[in-house]
Amino acid sequence: MKKHFGILILFSLLVTAASAQKLKGNLDFLKGQERVNVVFDFKGVTIDGDSEESYVKEQMQDEKTPEDADVWKTNWENSARENFQKTYIQYFNDESKNIIIGVSPDAEYTIIVKILDIDPGNFAGPFSNPAKIRSSVNIVKKGEETALASITGNKDYNHFALSPILFDRIAFGFGEAGKMLGKFLNKKIK
């Protein structure tokens, strides 16, 4: 029994260390804000450490026909990316007790989620790996470019969100990233 408890504590510490987030700045300006705009920046994103362009090209080569390849690319660039963002927002809002994020260009503040790397994970039964999203967050005042606060160290994933469908698996990773940011802001904004 003691051995199982020790393993559980060690696992919890590893998970906490792996998803530790660091705040630069102060979040007091968000107190009392009900709605905050959110923008996602995919510029320069890598996929599993490689350029997005290389990843897309490789995935397109795996398709059976050129038409299927074009459909895959269109889905990746449009509906999949849109779904990733919606899932992030939904999981954040489900977790957050203080603010609601969404496409709200009139809000006083904007959270800019810079997606740095997407590890798409894989589905292989008991040997599956969840998707992992590495991101950084800057929070700016409307009309300004200088970040009032930055949050780094975001590498989030859900150990149980294993899907055989690539886009769903990545969406779960985005959801977990949103959830973790929501939890983090809950602790910092009271």
C-alpha atoms as a PDB file:
ATOM      1  CA  MET A   1       0.000   0.000   0.000  1.00  0.00           C
ATOM      2  CA  LYS A   2       2.825   2.420   0.895  1.00  0.00           C
ATOM      3  CA  LYS A   3       4.539   1.651  -2.402  1.00  0.00           C
ATOM      4  CA  HIS A   4       1.409   2.587  -4.419  1.00  0.00           C
ATOM      5  CA  PHE A   5       0.978   5.796  -2.415  1.00  0.00           C
ATOM      6  CA  GLY A   6       4.640   6.736  -3.032  1.00  0.00           C
ATOM      7  CA  ILE A   7       4.288   6.136  -6.776  1.00  0.00           C
ATOM      8  CA  LEU A   8       1.129   8.264  -6.839  1.00  0.00           C
ATOM      9  CA  ILE A   9       2.906  11.152  -5.066  1.00  0.00           C
ATOM     10  CA  LEU A  10       5.906  10.910  -7.415  1.00  0.00           C
ATOM     11  CA  PHE A  11       3.615  10.893 -10.457  1.00  0.00           C
ATOM     12  CA  SER A  12       1.735  13.949  -9.146  1.00  0.00           C
ATOM     13  CA  LEU A  13       4.991  15.844  -8.622  1.00  0.00           C
ATOM     14  CA  LEU A  14       6.209  15.000 -12.126  1.00  0.00           C
ATOM     15  CA  VAL A  15       2.942  16.132 -13.721  1.00  0.00           C
ATOM     16  CA  THR A  16       2.992  19.361 -11.695  1.00  0.00           C
ATOM     17  CA  ALA A  17       6.616  20.060 -12.633  1.00  0.00           C
ATOM     18  CA  ALA A  18       5.961  19.334 -16.296  1.00  0.00           C
ATOM     19  CA  SER A  19       3.161  21.869 -16.498  1.00  0.00           C
ATOM     20  CA  ALA A  20       4.597  24.601 -14.248  1.00  0.00           C
ATOM     21  CA  GLN A  21       3.729  28.058 -15.516  1.00  0.00           C
ATOM     22  CA  LYS A  22       5.690  31.219 -14.810  1.00  0.00           C
ATOM     23  CA  LEU A  23       4.154  34.666 -14.571  1.00  0.00           C
ATOM     24  CA  LYS A  24       6.014  37.822 -15.494  1.00  0.00           C
ATOM     25  CA  GLY A  25       4.087  40.907 -14.430  1.00  0.00           C
ATOM     26  CA  ASN A  26       0.988  41.337 -12.319  1.00  0.00           C
ATOM     27  CA  LEU A  27      -2.579  40.301 -13.134  1.00  0.00           C
ATOM     28  CA  ASP A  28      -4.385  42.754 -10.845  1.00  0.00           C
ATOM     29  CA  PHE A  29      -5.654  44.646 -13.906  1.00  0.00           C
ATOM     30  CA  LEU A  30      -7.858  41.631 -14.749  1.00  0.00           C
ATOM     31  CA  LYS A  31      -9.767  41.839 -11.446  1.00  0.00           C
ATOM     32  CA  GLY A  32     -13.344  42.769 -12.164  1.00  0.00           C
ATOM     33  CA  GLN A  33     -13.060  42.051 -15.891  1.00  0.00           C
ATOM     34  CA  GLU A  34     -15.938  39.883 -17.002  1.00  0.00           C
ATOM     35  CA  ARG A  35     -14.940  39.365 -20.609  1.00  0.00           C
ATOM     36  CA  VAL A  36     -11.479  39.241 -22.181  1.00  0.00           C
ATOM     37  CA  ASN A  37     -10.681  38.964 -25.878  1.00  0.00           C
ATOM     38  CA  VAL A  38      -8.519  36.064 -27.017  1.00  0.00           C
ATOM     39  CA  VAL A  39      -6.362  35.834 -30.131  1.00  0.00           C
ATOM     40  CA  PHE A  40      -4.346  32.823 -31.278  1.00  0.00           C
ATOM     41  CA  ASP A  41      -1.025  33.274 -33.041  1.00  0.00           C
ATOM     42  CA  PHE A  42       0.170  30.272 -35.063  1.00  0.00           C
ATOM     43  CA  LYS A  43       2.957  32.171 -36.858  1.00  0.00           C
ATOM     44  CA  GLY A  44       6.146  30.096 -36.776  1.00  0.00           C
ATOM     45  CA  VAL A  45       4.496  27.131 -35.037  1.00  0.00           C
ATOM     46  CA  THR A  46       6.380  23.856 -35.218  1.00  0.00           C
ATOM     47  CA  ILE A  47       4.745  20.462 -35.301  1.00  0.00           C
ATOM     48  CA  ASP A  48       6.604  17.893 -33.267  1.00  0.00           C
ATOM     49  CA  GLY A  49       9.691  20.117 -33.507  1.00  0.00           C
ATOM     50  CA  ASP A  50       9.573  20.443 -37.307  1.00  0.00           C
ATOM     51  CA  SER A  51       8.225  23.293 -39.429  1.00  0.00           C
ATOM     52  CA  GLU A  52       4.491  23.341 -40.064  1.00  0.00           C
ATOM     53  CA  GLU A  53       5.178  23.388 -43.796  1.00  0.00           C
ATOM     54  CA  SER A  54       7.162  20.124 -43.591  1.00  0.00           C
ATOM     55  CA  TYR A  55       4.518  18.503 -41.411  1.00  0.00           C
ATOM     56  CA  VAL A  56       1.689  19.445 -43.780  1.00  0.00           C
ATOM     57  CA  LYS A  57       3.656  18.216 -46.782  1.00  0.00           C
ATOM     58  CA  GLU A  58       4.356  14.875 -45.051  1.00  0.00           C
ATOM     59  CA  GLN A  59       0.694  14.423 -44.064  1.00  0.00           C
ATOM     60  CA  MET A  60      -0.453  15.223 -47.595  1.00  0.00           C
ATOM     61  CA  GLN A  61       1.887  12.548 -48.985  1.00  0.00           C
ATOM     62  CA  ASP A  62       0.165   9.987 -46.744  1.00  0.00           C
ATOM     63  CA  GLU A  63      -3.173  10.608 -48.454  1.00  0.00           C
ATOM     64  CA  LYS A  64      -4.306   8.262 -51.260  1.00  0.00           C
ATOM     65  CA  THR A  65      -5.139  10.831 -53.925  1.00  0.00           C
ATOM     66  CA  PRO A  66      -4.137  14.439 -54.671  1.00  0.00           C
ATOM     67  CA  GLU A  67      -7.744  15.430 -53.994  1.00  0.00           C
ATOM     68  CA  ASP A  68      -7.614  13.804 -50.538  1.00  0.00           C
ATOM     69  CA  ALA A  69      -4.333  15.604 -49.887  1.00  0.00           C
ATOM     70  CA  ASP A  70      -5.900  18.949 -50.778  1.00  0.00           C
ATOM     71  CA  VAL A  71      -8.881  18.229 -48.513  1.00  0.00           C
ATOM     72  CA  TRP A  72      -6.524  17.328 -45.652  1.00  0.00           C
ATOM     73  CA  LYS A  73      -4.551  20.554 -46.110  1.00  0.00           C
ATOM     74  CA  THR A  74      -7.721  22.681 -46.264  1.00  0.00           C
ATOM     75  CA  ASN A  75      -9.049  21.006 -43.120  1.00  0.00           C
ATOM     76  CA  TRP A  76      -5.737  21.585 -41.314  1.00  0.00           C
ATOM     77  CA  GLU A  77      -5.557  25.250 -42.256  1.00  0.00           C
ATOM     78  CA  ASN A  78      -9.215  26.081 -41.636  1.00  0.00           C
ATOM     79  CA  SER A  79     -11.705  23.895 -39.786  1.00  0.00           C
ATOM     80  CA  ALA A  80      -9.163  22.010 -37.644  1.00  0.00           C
ATOM     81  CA  ARG A  81      -7.411  25.189 -36.513  1.00  0.00           C
ATOM     82  CA  GLU A  82     -10.780  26.806 -35.809  1.00  0.00           C
ATOM     83  CA  ASN A  83     -11.822  23.748 -33.777  1.00  0.00           C
ATOM     84  CA  PHE A  84      -8.542  23.835 -31.801  1.00  0.00           C
ATOM     85  CA  GLN A  85      -9.258  27.447 -30.824  1.00  0.00           C
ATOM     86  CA  LYS A  86     -12.907  26.792 -29.915  1.00  0.00           C
ATOM     87  CA  THR A  87     -11.879  23.836 -27.748  1.00  0.00           C
ATOM     88  CA  TYR A  88      -9.228  25.940 -25.969  1.00  0.00           C
ATOM     89  CA  ILE A  89     -11.804  28.658 -25.245  1.00  0.00           C
ATOM     90  CA  GLN A  90     -14.452  26.174 -24.088  1.00  0.00           C
ATOM     91  CA  TYR A  91     -12.111  24.361 -21.665  1.00  0.00           C
ATOM     92  CA  PHE A  92     -10.768  27.685 -20.347  1.00  0.00           C
ATOM     93  CA  ASN A  93     -14.270  29.019 -19.705  1.00  0.00           C
ATOM     94  CA  ASP A  94     -15.369  25.738 -18.093  1.00  0.00           C
ATOM     95  CA  GLU A  95     -12.459  26.066 -15.642  1.00  0.00           C
ATOM     96  CA  SER A  96     -12.306  29.832 -15.060  1.00  0.00           C
ATOM     97  CA  LYS A  97     -14.108  31.344 -12.110  1.00  0.00           C
ATOM     98  CA  ASN A  98     -13.061  34.938 -12.744  1.00  0.00           C
ATOM     99  CA  ILE A  99     -13.201  35.805 -16.427  1.00  0.00           C
ATOM    100  CA  ILE A 100     -14.711  34.582 -19.669  1.00  0.00           C
ATOM    101  CA  ILE A 101     -12.599  34.614 -22.814  1.00  0.00           C
ATOM    102  CA  GLY A 102     -13.813  34.667 -26.377  1.00  0.00           C
ATOM    103  CA  VAL A 103     -13.719  36.638 -29.584  1.00  0.00           C
ATOM    104  CA  SER A 104     -14.542  39.996 -27.991  1.00  0.00           C
ATOM    105  CA  PRO A 105     -12.645  42.743 -29.857  1.00  0.00           C
ATOM    106  CA  ASP A 106     -14.375  45.417 -27.750  1.00  0.00           C
ATOM    107  CA  ALA A 107     -12.991  44.001 -24.477  1.00  0.00           C
ATOM    108  CA  GLU A 108     -10.490  46.144 -22.585  1.00  0.00           C
ATOM    109  CA  TYR A 109      -7.825  43.387 -22.553  1.00  0.00           C
ATOM    110  CA  THR A 110      -6.677  40.696 -24.975  1.00  0.00           C
ATOM    111  CA  ILE A 111      -4.995  37.387 -24.218  1.00  0.00           C
ATOM    112  CA  ILE A 112      -2.642  36.486 -27.059  1.00  0.00           C
ATOM    113  CA  VAL A 113      -1.966  32.746 -27.105  1.00  0.00           C
ATOM    114  CA  LYS A 114       1.210  32.130 -29.100  1.00  0.00           C
ATOM    115  CA  ILE A 115       1.292  28.487 -30.178  1.00  0.00           C
ATOM    116  CA  LEU A 116       4.945  27.436 -30.213  1.00  0.00           C
ATOM    117  CA  ASP A 117       4.810  23.689 -30.826  1.00  0.00           C
ATOM    118  CA  ILE A 118       2.174  21.029 -31.339  1.00  0.00           C
ATOM    119  CA  ASP A 119       3.107  17.445 -30.591  1.00  0.00           C
ATOM    120  CA  PRO A 120       0.233  15.586 -32.294  1.00  0.00           C
ATOM    121  CA  GLY A 121       0.739  12.452 -30.222  1.00  0.00           C
ATOM    122  CA  ASN A 122      -0.293   9.121 -31.701  1.00  0.00           C
ATOM    123  CA  PHE A 123      -2.896   6.427 -31.306  1.00  0.00           C
ATOM    124  CA  ALA A 124      -1.514   2.947 -30.754  1.00  0.00           C
ATOM    125  CA  GLY A 125      -3.813   1.293 -28.240  1.00  0.00           C
ATOM    126  CA  PRO A 126      -2.092   1.014 -24.852  1.00  0.00           C
ATOM    127  CA  PHE A 127       1.026   2.668 -26.302  1.00  0.00           C
ATOM    128  CA  SER A 128      -0.811   5.834 -27.380  1.00  0.00           C
ATOM    129  CA  ASN A 129       0.487   9.300 -26.604  1.00  0.00           C
ATOM    130  CA  PRO A 130      -1.740  12.358 -26.132  1.00  0.00           C
ATOM    131  CA  ALA A 131      -1.188  15.579 -28.046  1.00  0.00           C
ATOM    132  CA  LYS A 132       0.881  18.205 -26.249  1.00  0.00           C
ATOM    133  CA  ILE A 133       0.669  21.935 -26.866  1.00  0.00           C
ATOM    134  CA  ARG A 134       3.513  24.303 -25.961  1.00  0.00           C
ATOM    135  CA  SER A 135       2.475  27.940 -25.835  1.00  0.00           C
ATOM    136  CA  SER A 136       3.168  31.307 -24.292  1.00  0.00           C
ATOM    137  CA  VAL A 137       0.607  33.926 -23.329  1.00  0.00           C
ATOM    138  CA  ASN A 138       0.805  37.707 -23.413  1.00  0.00           C
ATOM    139  CA  ILE A 139      -1.947  39.913 -22.064  1.00  0.00           C
ATOM    140  CA  VAL A 140      -2.241  43.387 -23.577  1.00  0.00           C
ATOM    141  CA  LYS A 141      -4.526  46.358 -23.145  1.00  0.00           C
ATOM    142  CA  LYS A 142      -6.776  47.181 -26.112  1.00  0.00           C
ATOM    143  CA  GLY A 143      -4.908  49.283 -28.673  1.00  0.00           C
ATOM    144  CA  GLU A 144      -1.482  48.632 -27.139  1.00  0.00           C
ATOM    145  CA  GLU A 145       1.278  46.194 -28.048  1.00  0.00           C
ATOM    146  CA  THR A 146       3.301  46.027 -24.834  1.00  0.00           C
ATOM    147  CA  ALA A 147       2.418  43.022 -22.692  1.00  0.00           C
ATOM    148  CA  LEU A 148       1.146  43.849 -19.216  1.00  0.00           C
ATOM    149  CA  ALA A 149       1.780  40.241 -18.197  1.00  0.00           C
ATOM    150  CA  SER A 150       3.329  37.142 -19.764  1.00  0.00           C
ATOM    151  CA  ILE A 151       2.861  33.513 -18.883  1.00  0.00           C
ATOM    152  CA  THR A 152       5.415  30.961 -20.060  1.00  0.00           C
ATOM    153  CA  GLY A 153       6.079  27.318 -19.430  1.00  0.00           C
ATOM    154  CA  ASN A 154       2.798  26.142 -20.888  1.00  0.00           C
ATOM    155  CA  LYS A 155       3.078  22.547 -22.063  1.00  0.00           C
ATOM    156  CA  ASP A 156      -0.209  20.929 -21.373  1.00  0.00           C
ATOM    157  CA  TYR A 157      -1.916  17.681 -22.211  1.00  0.00           C
ATOM    158  CA  ASN A 158      -4.539  15.321 -20.948  1.00  0.00           C
ATOM    159  CA  HIS A 159      -3.251  11.834 -20.207  1.00  0.00           C
ATOM    160  CA  PHE A 160      -6.681  10.373 -20.925  1.00  0.00           C
ATOM    161  CA  ALA A 161      -7.555  12.260 -24.137  1.00  0.00           C
ATOM    162  CA  LEU A 162      -6.385   9.647 -26.581  1.00  0.00           C
ATOM    163  CA  SER A 163      -8.216   9.616 -29.869  1.00  0.00           C
ATOM    164  CA  PRO A 164      -7.489   7.714 -33.073  1.00  0.00           C
ATOM    165  CA  ILE A 165      -8.522  10.855 -34.988  1.00  0.00           C
ATOM    166  CA  LEU A 166      -5.576  13.241 -35.356  1.00  0.00           C
ATOM    167  CA  PHE A 167      -7.554  16.501 -35.319  1.00  0.00           C
ATOM    168  CA  ASP A 168      -9.597  15.419 -32.281  1.00  0.00           C
ATOM    169  CA  ARG A 169      -6.470  14.379 -30.390  1.00  0.00           C
ATOM    170  CA  ILE A 170      -4.857  17.781 -31.038  1.00  0.00           C
ATOM    171  CA  ALA A 171      -8.095  19.571 -30.096  1.00  0.00           C
ATOM    172  CA  PHE A 172      -8.007  17.740 -26.728  1.00  0.00           C
ATOM    173  CA  GLY A 173      -4.438  19.051 -26.271  1.00  0.00           C
ATOM    174  CA  PHE A 174      -5.648  22.594 -26.959  1.00  0.00           C
ATOM    175  CA  GLY A 175      -8.505  22.061 -24.540  1.00  0.00           C
ATOM    176  CA  GLU A 176      -6.130  20.990 -21.826  1.00  0.00           C
ATOM    177  CA  ALA A 177      -3.931  24.041 -22.482  1.00  0.00           C
ATOM    178  CA  GLY A 178      -6.991  26.274 -22.082  1.00  0.00           C
ATOM    179  CA  LYS A 179      -8.016  24.444 -18.930  1.00  0.00           C
ATOM    180  CA  MET A 180      -4.551  24.842 -17.403  1.00  0.00           C
ATOM    181  CA  LEU A 181      -4.493  28.583 -18.176  1.00  0.00           C
ATOM    182  CA  GLY A 182      -7.953  28.928 -16.617  1.00  0.00           C
ATOM    183  CA  LYS A 183      -6.721  27.163 -13.456  1.00  0.00           C
ATOM    184  CA  PHE A 184      -3.595  29.316 -13.364  1.00  0.00           C
ATOM    185  CA  LEU A 185      -5.572  32.555 -13.665  1.00  0.00           C
ATOM    186  CA  ASN A 186      -8.010  31.354 -10.982  1.00  0.00           C
ATOM    187  CA  LYS A 187      -5.087  31.171  -8.545  1.00  0.00           C
ATOM    188  CA  LYS A 188      -3.655  34.539  -9.539  1.00  0.00           C
ATOM    189  CA  ILE A 189      -6.852  36.626  -9.831  1.00  0.00           C
ATOM    190  CA  LYS A 190      -8.880  36.715  -6.647  1.00  0.00           C
END
